[in-house]
PDB file of all heavy atoms in Angstrom:
ATOM      1  N   CYS A   1      99.577 -78.946   0.816  1.00  0.00           N
ATOM      2  CA  CYS A   1     100.546 -79.124  -0.264  1.00  0.00           C
ATOM      3  C   CYS A   1     101.722 -79.985   0.088  1.00  0.00           C
ATOM      4  O   CYS A   1     102.606 -80.219  -0.751  1.00  0.00           O
ATOM      5  CB  CYS A   1     101.026 -77.765  -0.765  1.00  0.00           C
ATOM      6  SG  CYS A   1     102.092 -76.853   0.425  1.00  0.00           S
ATOM      7  N   SER A   2     101.835 -80.452   1.342  1.00  0.00           N
ATOM      8  CA  SER A   2     102.968 -81.264   1.770  1.00  0.00           C
ATOM      9  C   SER A   2     103.050 -82.562   0.996  1.00  0.00           C
ATOM     10  O   SER A   2     102.072 -83.036   0.412  1.00  0.00           O
ATOM     11  CB  SER A   2     102.836 -81.558   3.275  1.00  0.00           C
ATOM     12  OG  SER A   2     101.694 -82.318   3.572  1.00  0.00           O
ATOM     13  N   ARG A   3     104.198 -83.177   1.016  1.00  0.00           N
ATOM     14  CA  ARG A   3     104.442 -84.433   0.266  1.00  0.00           C
ATOM     15  C   ARG A   3     104.937 -85.532   1.164  1.00  0.00           C
ATOM     16  O   ARG A   3     105.575 -85.275   2.194  1.00  0.00           O
ATOM     17  CB  ARG A   3     105.397 -84.178  -0.861  1.00  0.00           C
ATOM     18  CG  ARG A   3     106.800 -83.813  -0.385  1.00  0.00           C
ATOM     19  CD  ARG A   3     107.791 -83.690  -1.540  1.00  0.00           C
ATOM     20  NE  ARG A   3     109.110 -83.228  -1.081  1.00  0.00           N
ATOM     21  CZ  ARG A   3     110.026 -84.018  -0.588  1.00  0.00           C
ATOM     22  NH1 ARG A   3     109.830 -85.312  -0.450  1.00  0.00           N
ATOM     23  NH2 ARG A   3     111.200 -83.549  -0.159  1.00  0.00           N
ATOM     24  N   GLU A   4     104.669 -86.763   0.790  1.00  0.00           N
ATOM     25  CA  GLU A   4     105.162 -87.920   1.526  1.00  0.00           C
ATOM     26  C   GLU A   4     106.661 -88.096   1.279  1.00  0.00           C
ATOM     27  O   GLU A   4     107.133 -87.833   0.149  1.00  0.00           O
ATOM     28  CB  GLU A   4     104.422 -89.192   1.075  1.00  0.00           C
ATOM     29  CG  GLU A   4     104.494 -90.338   2.001  1.00  0.00           C
ATOM     30  CD  GLU A   4     103.431 -90.313   3.123  1.00  0.00           C
ATOM     31  OE1 GLU A   4     102.401 -89.646   2.947  1.00  0.00           O
ATOM     32  OE2 GLU A   4     103.624 -90.954   4.141  1.00  0.00           O
ATOM     33  N   GLU A   5     107.394 -88.560   2.276  1.00  0.00           N
ATOM     34  CA  GLU A   5     108.810 -88.785   2.166  1.00  0.00           C
ATOM     35  C   GLU A   5     109.184 -90.141   2.700  1.00  0.00           C
ATOM     36  O   GLU A   5     108.883 -90.450   3.877  1.00  0.00           O
ATOM     37  CB  GLU A   5     109.643 -87.668   2.921  1.00  0.00           C
ATOM     38  CG  GLU A   5     111.142 -87.862   2.892  1.00  0.00           C
ATOM     39  CD  GLU A   5     111.714 -87.995   1.500  1.00  0.00           C
ATOM     40  OE1 GLU A   5     111.588 -87.006   0.762  1.00  0.00           O
ATOM     41  OE2 GLU A   5     112.235 -89.080   1.155  1.00  0.00           O
ATOM     42  N   ALA A   6     109.779 -90.997   1.901  1.00  0.00           N
ATOM     43  CA  ALA A   6     110.051 -92.399   2.317  1.00  0.00           C
ATOM     44  C   ALA A   6     111.446 -92.518   2.880  1.00  0.00           C
ATOM     45  O   ALA A   6     111.724 -93.555   3.551  1.00  0.00           O
ATOM     46  CB  ALA A   6     109.896 -93.338   1.096  1.00  0.00           C
ATOM     47  N   ASP A   7     112.336 -91.581   2.676  1.00  0.00           N
ATOM     48  CA  ASP A   7     113.732 -91.706   3.201  1.00  0.00           C
ATOM     49  C   ASP A   7     113.692 -91.705   4.721  1.00  0.00           C
ATOM     50  O   ASP A   7     113.274 -90.782   5.351  1.00  0.00           O
ATOM     51  CB  ASP A   7     114.552 -90.535   2.679  1.00  0.00           C
ATOM     52  CG  ASP A   7     116.023 -90.685   3.041  1.00  0.00           C
ATOM     53  OD1 ASP A   7     116.382 -91.636   3.756  1.00  0.00           O
ATOM     54  OD2 ASP A   7     116.828 -89.799   2.595  1.00  0.00           O
ATOM     55  N   PRO A   8     114.248 -92.776   5.348  1.00  0.00           N
ATOM     56  CA  PRO A   8     114.268 -92.847   6.826  1.00  0.00           C
ATOM     57  C   PRO A   8     115.019 -91.687   7.455  1.00  0.00           C
ATOM     58  O   PRO A   8     114.758 -91.342   8.631  1.00  0.00           O
ATOM     59  CB  PRO A   8     114.958 -94.191   7.091  1.00  0.00           C
ATOM     60  CG  PRO A   8     114.739 -95.002   5.873  1.00  0.00           C
ATOM     61  CD  PRO A   8     114.733 -94.017   4.762  1.00  0.00           C
ATOM     62  N   ALA A   9     115.994 -91.117   6.742  1.00  0.00           N
ATOM     63  CA  ALA A   9     116.763 -90.017   7.292  1.00  0.00           C
ATOM     64  C   ALA A   9     115.892 -88.794   7.598  1.00  0.00           C
ATOM     65  O   ALA A   9     116.197 -87.972   8.462  1.00  0.00           O
ATOM     66  CB  ALA A   9     117.884 -89.622   6.351  1.00  0.00           C
ATOM     67  N   ALA A  10     114.735 -88.709   6.889  1.00  0.00           N
ATOM     68  CA  ALA A  10     113.826 -87.560   7.089  1.00  0.00           C
ATOM     69  C   ALA A  10     113.139 -87.628   8.461  1.00  0.00           C
ATOM     70  O   ALA A  10     112.551 -86.646   8.878  1.00  0.00           O
ATOM     71  CB  ALA A  10     112.808 -87.508   5.972  1.00  0.00           C
ATOM     72  N   ARG A  11     113.198 -88.752   9.149  1.00  0.00           N
ATOM     73  CA  ARG A  11     112.608 -88.859  10.446  1.00  0.00           C
ATOM     74  C   ARG A  11     113.386 -88.147  11.535  1.00  0.00           C
ATOM     75  O   ARG A  11     112.872 -87.900  12.626  1.00  0.00           O
ATOM     76  CB  ARG A  11     112.451 -90.342  10.844  1.00  0.00           C
ATOM     77  CG  ARG A  11     111.653 -91.141   9.849  1.00  0.00           C
ATOM     78  CD  ARG A  11     111.695 -92.633  10.179  1.00  0.00           C
ATOM     79  NE  ARG A  11     111.050 -93.436   9.165  1.00  0.00           N
ATOM     80  CZ  ARG A  11     111.040 -94.791   9.101  1.00  0.00           C
ATOM     81  NH1 ARG A  11     111.638 -95.449  10.067  1.00  0.00           N
ATOM     82  NH2 ARG A  11     110.480 -95.423   8.111  1.00  0.00           N
ATOM     83  N   LEU A  12     114.672 -87.774  11.253  1.00  0.00           N
ATOM     84  CA  LEU A  12     115.494 -87.011  12.156  1.00  0.00           C
ATOM     85  C   LEU A  12     115.606 -87.670  13.544  1.00  0.00           C
ATOM     86  O   LEU A  12     115.650 -86.980  14.544  1.00  0.00           O
ATOM     87  CB  LEU A  12     114.972 -85.585  12.329  1.00  0.00           C
ATOM     88  CG  LEU A  12     114.925 -84.735  11.036  1.00  0.00           C
ATOM     89  CD1 LEU A  12     114.457 -83.331  11.306  1.00  0.00           C
ATOM     90  CD2 LEU A  12     116.267 -84.715  10.324  1.00  0.00           C
ATOM     91  N   GLY A  13     115.672 -88.997  13.530  1.00  0.00           N
ATOM     92  CA  GLY A  13     115.894 -89.716  14.772  1.00  0.00           C
ATOM     93  C   GLY A  13     114.645 -89.903  15.642  1.00  0.00           C
ATOM     94  O   GLY A  13     114.731 -90.404  16.762  1.00  0.00           O
ATOM     95  N   LEU A  14     113.509 -89.490  15.170  1.00  0.00           N
ATOM     96  CA  LEU A  14     112.249 -89.626  15.931  1.00  0.00           C
ATOM     97  C   LEU A  14     111.617 -91.005  15.631  1.00  0.00           C
ATOM     98  O   LEU A  14     111.719 -91.562  14.529  1.00  0.00           O
ATOM     99  CB  LEU A  14     111.292 -88.538  15.521  1.00  0.00           C
ATOM    100  CG  LEU A  14     111.737 -87.101  15.905  1.00  0.00           C
ATOM    101  CD1 LEU A  14     110.829 -86.065  15.271  1.00  0.00           C
ATOM    102  CD2 LEU A  14     111.753 -86.901  17.397  1.00  0.00           C
ATOM    103  N   GLY A  15     110.948 -91.518  16.624  1.00  0.00           N
ATOM    104  CA  GLY A  15     110.305 -92.824  16.518  1.00  0.00           C
ATOM    105  C   GLY A  15     108.983 -92.756  15.785  1.00  0.00           C
ATOM    106  O   GLY A  15     107.911 -92.998  16.382  1.00  0.00           O
ATOM    107  N   VAL A  16     109.019 -92.468  14.500  1.00  0.00           N
ATOM    108  CA  VAL A  16     107.812 -92.342  13.687  1.00  0.00           C
ATOM    109  C   VAL A  16     107.875 -93.325  12.543  1.00  0.00           C
ATOM    110  O   VAL A  16     108.958 -93.801  12.153  1.00  0.00           O
ATOM    111  CB  VAL A  16     107.597 -90.893  13.178  1.00  0.00           C
ATOM    112  CG1 VAL A  16     107.430 -89.953  14.338  1.00  0.00           C
ATOM    113  CG2 VAL A  16     108.822 -90.439  12.331  1.00  0.00           C
ATOM    114  N   THR A  17     106.733 -93.611  11.970  1.00  0.00           N
ATOM    115  CA  THR A  17     106.665 -94.596  10.883  1.00  0.00           C
ATOM    116  C   THR A  17     106.343 -93.932   9.541  1.00  0.00           C
ATOM    117  O   THR A  17     106.485 -94.507   8.472  1.00  0.00           O
ATOM    118  CB  THR A  17     105.595 -95.654  11.176  1.00  0.00           C
ATOM    119  OG1 THR A  17     104.316 -95.048  11.356  1.00  0.00           O
ATOM    120  CG2 THR A  17     105.952 -96.435  12.413  1.00  0.00           C
ATOM    121  N   ARG A  18     105.897 -92.670   9.592  1.00  0.00           N
ATOM    122  CA  ARG A  18     105.490 -91.963   8.375  1.00  0.00           C
ATOM    123  C   ARG A  18     105.935 -90.519   8.476  1.00  0.00           C
ATOM    124  O   ARG A  18     105.884 -89.943   9.546  1.00  0.00           O
ATOM    125  CB  ARG A  18     103.950 -92.085   8.239  1.00  0.00           C
ATOM    126  CG  ARG A  18     103.374 -91.284   7.079  1.00  0.00           C
ATOM    127  CD  ARG A  18     101.858 -91.230   7.226  1.00  0.00           C
ATOM    128  NE  ARG A  18     101.264 -90.477   6.128  1.00  0.00           N
ATOM    129  CZ  ARG A  18     100.148 -89.773   6.197  1.00  0.00           C
ATOM    130  NH1 ARG A  18      99.523 -89.730   7.353  1.00  0.00           N
ATOM    131  NH2 ARG A  18      99.676 -89.141   5.165  1.00  0.00           N
ATOM    132  N   VAL A  19     106.341 -89.978   7.366  1.00  0.00           N
ATOM    133  CA  VAL A  19     106.827 -88.579   7.327  1.00  0.00           C
ATOM    134  C   VAL A  19     106.224 -87.831   6.112  1.00  0.00           C
ATOM    135  O   VAL A  19     106.262 -88.368   5.025  1.00  0.00           O
ATOM    136  CB  VAL A  19     108.367 -88.518   7.277  1.00  0.00           C
ATOM    137  CG1 VAL A  19     108.830 -87.094   6.995  1.00  0.00           C
ATOM    138  CG2 VAL A  19     108.969 -88.999   8.555  1.00  0.00           C
ATOM    139  N   ARG A  20     105.738 -86.632   6.410  1.00  0.00           N
ATOM    140  CA  ARG A  20     105.381 -85.715   5.322  1.00  0.00           C
ATOM    141  C   ARG A  20     106.215 -84.453   5.493  1.00  0.00           C
ATOM    142  O   ARG A  20     106.497 -84.023   6.632  1.00  0.00           O
ATOM    143  CB  ARG A  20     103.898 -85.348   5.378  1.00  0.00           C
ATOM    144  CG  ARG A  20     102.954 -86.539   5.059  1.00  0.00           C
ATOM    145  CD  ARG A  20     101.555 -86.094   4.854  1.00  0.00           C
ATOM    146  NE  ARG A  20     101.390 -85.280   3.635  1.00  0.00           N
ATOM    147  CZ  ARG A  20     101.210 -85.811   2.422  1.00  0.00           C
ATOM    148  NH1 ARG A  20     101.158 -87.086   2.262  1.00  0.00           N
ATOM    149  NH2 ARG A  20     101.070 -85.011   1.373  1.00  0.00           N
ATOM    150  N   LEU A  21     106.614 -83.865   4.377  1.00  0.00           N
ATOM    151  CA  LEU A  21     107.486 -82.691   4.395  1.00  0.00           C
ATOM    152  C   LEU A  21     106.803 -81.514   3.764  1.00  0.00           C
ATOM    153  O   LEU A  21     105.976 -81.660   2.856  1.00  0.00           O
ATOM    154  CB  LEU A  21     108.785 -82.992   3.670  1.00  0.00           C
ATOM    155  CG  LEU A  21     109.637 -84.142   4.220  1.00  0.00           C
ATOM    156  CD1 LEU A  21     110.920 -84.311   3.396  1.00  0.00           C
ATOM    157  CD2 LEU A  21     110.032 -83.865   5.678  1.00  0.00           C
ATOM    158  N   PRO A  22     107.118 -80.295   4.215  1.00  0.00           N
ATOM    159  CA  PRO A  22     106.520 -79.081   3.627  1.00  0.00           C
ATOM    160  C   PRO A  22     106.997 -78.853   2.210  1.00  0.00           C
ATOM    161  O   PRO A  22     108.145 -79.177   1.870  1.00  0.00           O
ATOM    162  CB  PRO A  22     106.951 -77.957   4.538  1.00  0.00           C
ATOM    163  CG  PRO A  22     108.237 -78.467   5.138  1.00  0.00           C
ATOM    164  CD  PRO A  22     108.054 -79.958   5.292  1.00  0.00           C
ATOM    165  N   VAL A  23     106.141 -78.280   1.352  1.00  0.00           N
ATOM    166  CA  VAL A  23     106.476 -77.980  -0.009  1.00  0.00           C
ATOM    167  C   VAL A  23     106.390 -76.475  -0.246  1.00  0.00           C
ATOM    168  O   VAL A  23     107.357 -75.831  -0.639  1.00  0.00           O
ATOM    169  CB  VAL A  23     105.562 -78.736  -1.007  1.00  0.00           C
ATOM    170  CG1 VAL A  23     105.867 -78.289  -2.457  1.00  0.00           C
ATOM    171  CG2 VAL A  23     105.778 -80.218  -0.871  1.00  0.00           C
ATOM    172  N   GLY A  24     105.236 -75.931  -0.001  1.00  0.00           N
ATOM    173  CA  GLY A  24     104.993 -74.498  -0.232  1.00  0.00           C
ATOM    174  C   GLY A  24     104.123 -74.221  -1.405  1.00  0.00           C
ATOM    175  O   GLY A  24     104.315 -74.838  -2.469  1.00  0.00           O
ATOM    176  N   CYS A  25     103.131 -73.354  -1.247  1.00  0.00           N
ATOM    177  CA  CYS A  25     102.242 -73.041  -2.322  1.00  0.00           C
ATOM    178  C   CYS A  25     101.676 -71.615  -2.005  1.00  0.00           C
ATOM    179  O   CYS A  25     101.932 -71.035  -0.938  1.00  0.00           O
ATOM    180  CB  CYS A  25     101.068 -74.015  -2.388  1.00  0.00           C
ATOM    181  SG  CYS A  25      99.954 -74.003  -0.969  1.00  0.00           S
ATOM    182  N   PRO A  26     100.923 -70.994  -2.921  1.00  0.00           N
ATOM    183  CA  PRO A  26     100.386 -69.665  -2.693  1.00  0.00           C
ATOM    184  C   PRO A  26      99.486 -69.613  -1.447  1.00  0.00           C
ATOM    185  O   PRO A  26      99.420 -68.579  -0.765  1.00  0.00           O
ATOM    186  CB  PRO A  26      99.587 -69.376  -3.943  1.00  0.00           C
ATOM    187  CG  PRO A  26     100.245 -70.177  -5.008  1.00  0.00           C
ATOM    188  CD  PRO A  26     100.665 -71.455  -4.332  1.00  0.00           C
ATOM    189  N   GLU A  27      98.787 -70.701  -1.136  1.00  0.00           N
ATOM    190  CA  GLU A  27      97.873 -70.676   0.006  1.00  0.00           C
ATOM    191  C   GLU A  27      98.589 -70.510   1.346  1.00  0.00           C
ATOM    192  O   GLU A  27      98.048 -69.957   2.282  1.00  0.00           O
ATOM    193  CB  GLU A  27      97.023 -71.976   0.034  1.00  0.00           C
ATOM    194  CG  GLU A  27      96.047 -72.083  -1.150  1.00  0.00           C
ATOM    195  CD  GLU A  27      94.989 -71.001  -1.077  1.00  0.00           C
ATOM    196  OE1 GLU A  27      94.556 -70.697   0.020  1.00  0.00           O
ATOM    197  OE2 GLU A  27      94.648 -70.444  -2.137  1.00  0.00           O
ATOM    198  N   CYS A  28      99.800 -71.077   1.404  1.00  0.00           N
ATOM    199  CA  CYS A  28     100.564 -70.995   2.668  1.00  0.00           C
ATOM    200  C   CYS A  28     101.683 -69.996   2.591  1.00  0.00           C
ATOM    201  O   CYS A  28     102.582 -69.967   3.456  1.00  0.00           O
ATOM    202  CB  CYS A  28     101.120 -72.379   3.058  1.00  0.00           C
ATOM    203  SG  CYS A  28     102.283 -73.107   1.853  1.00  0.00           S
ATOM    204  N   GLY A  29     101.673 -69.160   1.528  1.00  0.00           N
ATOM    205  CA  GLY A  29     102.701 -68.141   1.395  1.00  0.00           C
ATOM    206  C   GLY A  29     104.088 -68.705   1.148  1.00  0.00           C
ATOM    207  O   GLY A  29     105.103 -68.063   1.423  1.00  0.00           O
ATOM    208  N   GLY A  30     104.129 -69.939   0.590  1.00  0.00           N
ATOM    209  CA  GLY A  30     105.411 -70.603   0.288  1.00  0.00           C
ATOM    210  C   GLY A  30     106.129 -71.224   1.470  1.00  0.00           C
ATOM    211  O   GLY A  30     107.207 -71.737   1.313  1.00  0.00           O
ATOM    212  N   THR A  31     105.513 -71.181   2.679  1.00  0.00           N
ATOM    213  CA  THR A  31     106.183 -71.748   3.861  1.00  0.00           C
ATOM    214  C   THR A  31     105.962 -73.234   4.009  1.00  0.00           C
ATOM    215  O   THR A  31     106.745 -73.916   4.660  1.00  0.00           O
ATOM    216  CB  THR A  31     105.661 -71.031   5.130  1.00  0.00           C
ATOM    217  OG1 THR A  31     104.285 -71.376   5.338  1.00  0.00           O
ATOM    218  CG2 THR A  31     105.791 -69.505   5.010  1.00  0.00           C
ATOM    219  N   GLY A  32     104.894 -73.780   3.461  1.00  0.00           N
ATOM    220  CA  GLY A  32     104.570 -75.158   3.622  1.00  0.00           C
ATOM    221  C   GLY A  32     103.768 -75.462   4.876  1.00  0.00           C
ATOM    222  O   GLY A  32     103.401 -76.615   5.141  1.00  0.00           O
ATOM    223  N   PHE A  33     103.421 -74.395   5.628  1.00  0.00           N
ATOM    224  CA  PHE A  33     102.663 -74.567   6.866  1.00  0.00           C
ATOM    225  C   PHE A  33     101.493 -73.606   6.921  1.00  0.00           C
ATOM    226  O   PHE A  33     101.628 -72.471   6.422  1.00  0.00           O
ATOM    227  CB  PHE A  33     103.561 -74.351   8.085  1.00  0.00           C
ATOM    228  CG  PHE A  33     104.685 -75.330   8.233  1.00  0.00           C
ATOM    229  CD1 PHE A  33     105.907 -75.054   7.703  1.00  0.00           C
ATOM    230  CD2 PHE A  33     104.477 -76.521   8.918  1.00  0.00           C
ATOM    231  CE1 PHE A  33     106.973 -75.979   7.802  1.00  0.00           C
ATOM    232  CE2 PHE A  33     105.503 -77.411   9.041  1.00  0.00           C
ATOM    233  CZ  PHE A  33     106.773 -77.157   8.521  1.00  0.00           C
TER     234      PHE A  33
END
């Protein structure tokens, strides 16, 4: 259920080119993981 995030700030200073963020759904108990 995670979603793509284009904002560079979401990388939190890590040397990555792509970021997905947790959302939460019934399958993961709302945690996103």
